Every structure is written in C-alpha cells, then in structure tokens.
Amino acid sequence: MNIKQETVAVLEEILSLNGRSAGFSDKTPLLGAIPELDSMAVIAVITTLEERFGFSIDDDEIDGATFATLGSLVDFVERKVAA
C-alpha cells in the first residue's frame, strides 16, 4: 500500500476535489489553502484515515501543523501506520 497515494485518495474523496489532487506534491499547502478543507472536513479526513489505515488518532496528536502540507499529513500517517 502506498501511503501517500492512499492519503491523496482520501483527500480527493472527502473534499470532492474533482481530480485537483493529481497535481499535489509534498509541498502542497492544505489547511487554509484548500477552501473545501474546513473544520468539518478535517474531522471527516481524520475518521477516514483511521478507517482506511486501521489506527486510532487521539485529539492531542493532531494540530494545525499536521494539515499544513500534504507532506506533513503523509508523514503523520506514516508514523501512525508504523507505530
């Protein structure tokens, strides 16, 4: 399983990006840069990542920096999967 591809797929699906995620790189800003990524969408993304990858995220594990860029989000998911 490619964690980056799966994470992008989750963003694409939850945010209904209509293919815009195809151009995302590790440096692509997320929070504050993608209008669809509001507080409710963040919760949906977190829930979907938990389901897709089979881990649990505690409230104190997540902050704005986690969703700063695609790279920071992928790094977070990779750490959770490895734990």
C-alpha atoms as a PDB file:
ATOM      1  CA  MET A   1       0.000   0.000   0.000  1.00  0.00           C
ATOM      2  CA  ASN A   2       1.338   3.414  -0.950  1.00  0.00           C
ATOM      3  CA  ILE A   3       0.546   5.677   2.000  1.00  0.00           C
ATOM      4  CA  LYS A   4       0.951   8.900   0.029  1.00  0.00           C
ATOM      5  CA  GLN A   5      -1.369   7.715  -2.766  1.00  0.00           C
ATOM      6  CA  GLU A   6      -3.960   6.497  -0.253  1.00  0.00           C
ATOM      7  CA  THR A   7      -3.789   9.774   1.691  1.00  0.00           C
ATOM      8  CA  VAL A   8      -4.275  11.788  -1.509  1.00  0.00           C
ATOM      9  CA  ALA A   9      -7.183   9.494  -2.426  1.00  0.00           C
ATOM     10  CA  VAL A  10      -8.805  10.212   0.950  1.00  0.00           C
ATOM     11  CA  LEU A  11      -8.422  13.979   0.407  1.00  0.00           C
ATOM     12  CA  GLU A  12      -9.802  13.670  -3.129  1.00  0.00           C
ATOM     13  CA  GLU A  13     -12.782  11.648  -1.929  1.00  0.00           C
ATOM     14  CA  ILE A  14     -13.691  13.611   1.214  1.00  0.00           C
ATOM     15  CA  LEU A  15     -13.125  17.075  -0.271  1.00  0.00           C
ATOM     16  CA  SER A  16     -14.649  16.266  -3.686  1.00  0.00           C
ATOM     17  CA  LEU A  17     -11.647  17.806  -5.438  1.00  0.00           C
ATOM     18  CA  ASN A  18     -12.676  16.540  -8.892  1.00  0.00           C
ATOM     19  CA  GLY A  19      -9.148  15.496  -9.820  1.00  0.00           C
ATOM     20  CA  ARG A  20      -7.362  18.576  -8.464  1.00  0.00           C
ATOM     21  CA  SER A  21      -5.320  16.351  -6.145  1.00  0.00           C
ATOM     22  CA  ALA A  22      -3.489  14.877  -9.156  1.00  0.00           C
ATOM     23  CA  GLY A  23      -1.158  17.884  -9.084  1.00  0.00           C
ATOM     24  CA  PHE A  24      -0.434  17.696  -5.349  1.00  0.00           C
ATOM     25  CA  SER A  25       3.173  17.396  -4.159  1.00  0.00           C
ATOM     26  CA  ASP A  26       4.615  17.064  -0.653  1.00  0.00           C
ATOM     27  CA  LYS A  27       4.836  20.867  -0.504  1.00  0.00           C
ATOM     28  CA  THR A  28       1.198  21.482  -1.490  1.00  0.00           C
ATOM     29  CA  PRO A  29      -0.393  23.566   1.291  1.00  0.00           C
ATOM     30  CA  LEU A  30      -3.612  22.134   2.682  1.00  0.00           C
ATOM     31  CA  LEU A  31      -5.161  23.919   5.669  1.00  0.00           C
ATOM     32  CA  GLY A  32      -6.014  27.468   4.679  1.00  0.00           C
ATOM     33  CA  ALA A  33      -5.167  26.855   1.015  1.00  0.00           C
ATOM     34  CA  ILE A  34      -7.920  24.434   0.006  1.00  0.00           C
ATOM     35  CA  PRO A  35     -11.322  26.046   0.666  1.00  0.00           C
ATOM     36  CA  GLU A  36     -13.026  22.642   0.964  1.00  0.00           C
ATOM     37  CA  LEU A  37     -10.772  21.715   3.924  1.00  0.00           C
ATOM     38  CA  ASP A  38     -12.777  23.284   6.732  1.00  0.00           C
ATOM     39  CA  SER A  39     -13.075  22.045  10.315  1.00  0.00           C
ATOM     40  CA  MET A  40     -15.796  19.526   9.467  1.00  0.00           C
ATOM     41  CA  ALA A  41     -13.786  18.200   6.524  1.00  0.00           C
ATOM     42  CA  VAL A  42     -10.713  17.791   8.752  1.00  0.00           C
ATOM     43  CA  ILE A  43     -12.768  15.551  11.063  1.00  0.00           C
ATOM     44  CA  ALA A  44     -14.018  13.519   8.091  1.00  0.00           C
ATOM     45  CA  VAL A  45     -10.464  13.155   6.734  1.00  0.00           C
ATOM     46  CA  ILE A  46      -9.168  12.017  10.140  1.00  0.00           C
ATOM     47  CA  THR A  47     -12.003   9.489  10.533  1.00  0.00           C
ATOM     48  CA  THR A  48     -11.465   8.128   7.019  1.00  0.00           C
ATOM     49  CA  LEU A  49      -7.690   7.826   7.534  1.00  0.00           C
ATOM     50  CA  GLU A  50      -8.334   5.900  10.759  1.00  0.00           C
ATOM     51  CA  GLU A  51     -10.685   3.513   8.937  1.00  0.00           C
ATOM     52  CA  ARG A  52      -8.515   3.115   5.839  1.00  0.00           C
ATOM     53  CA  PHE A  53      -5.227   2.511   7.689  1.00  0.00           C
ATOM     54  CA  GLY A  54      -6.562   0.822  10.833  1.00  0.00           C
ATOM     55  CA  PHE A  55      -5.168   3.140  13.502  1.00  0.00           C
ATOM     56  CA  SER A  56      -6.668   5.464  16.078  1.00  0.00           C
ATOM     57  CA  ILE A  57      -5.828   9.154  16.481  1.00  0.00           C
ATOM     58  CA  ASP A  58      -6.136  10.889  19.849  1.00  0.00           C
ATOM     59  CA  ASP A  59      -7.263  14.524  19.908  1.00  0.00           C
ATOM     60  CA  ASP A  60      -3.928  15.684  21.329  1.00  0.00           C
ATOM     61  CA  GLU A  61      -1.983  14.082  18.453  1.00  0.00           C
ATOM     62  CA  ILE A  62      -3.403  16.463  15.843  1.00  0.00           C
ATOM     63  CA  ASP A  63      -2.754  20.155  15.392  1.00  0.00           C
ATOM     64  CA  GLY A  64      -2.710  22.604  12.514  1.00  0.00           C
ATOM     65  CA  ALA A  65       0.841  21.606  11.593  1.00  0.00           C
ATOM     66  CA  THR A  66      -0.368  18.090  10.752  1.00  0.00           C
ATOM     67  CA  PHE A  67      -2.508  19.552   7.963  1.00  0.00           C
ATOM     68  CA  ALA A  68      -0.032  22.270   6.893  1.00  0.00           C
ATOM     69  CA  THR A  69       1.040  20.464   3.718  1.00  0.00           C
ATOM     70  CA  LEU A  70       0.416  17.147   2.007  1.00  0.00           C
ATOM     71  CA  GLY A  71       3.916  16.097   3.125  1.00  0.00           C
ATOM     72  CA  SER A  72       3.196  16.825   6.802  1.00  0.00           C
ATOM     73  CA  LEU A  73      -0.056  14.866   6.617  1.00  0.00           C
ATOM     74  CA  VAL A  74       1.617  11.904   4.873  1.00  0.00           C
ATOM     75  CA  ASP A  75       4.436  11.952   7.453  1.00  0.00           C
ATOM     76  CA  PHE A  76       1.849  11.824  10.234  1.00  0.00           C
ATOM     77  CA  VAL A  77       0.011   8.894   8.622  1.00  0.00           C
ATOM     78  CA  GLU A  78       3.305   7.031   8.051  1.00  0.00           C
ATOM     79  CA  ARG A  79       4.226   7.443  11.741  1.00  0.00           C
ATOM     80  CA  LYS A  80       0.786   6.160  12.810  1.00  0.00           C
ATOM     81  CA  VAL A  81       0.984   3.144  10.486  1.00  0.00           C
ATOM     82  CA  ALA A  82       4.485   2.279  11.734  1.00  0.00           C
ATOM     83  CA  ALA A  83       3.511   2.581  15.411  1.00  0.00           C
END
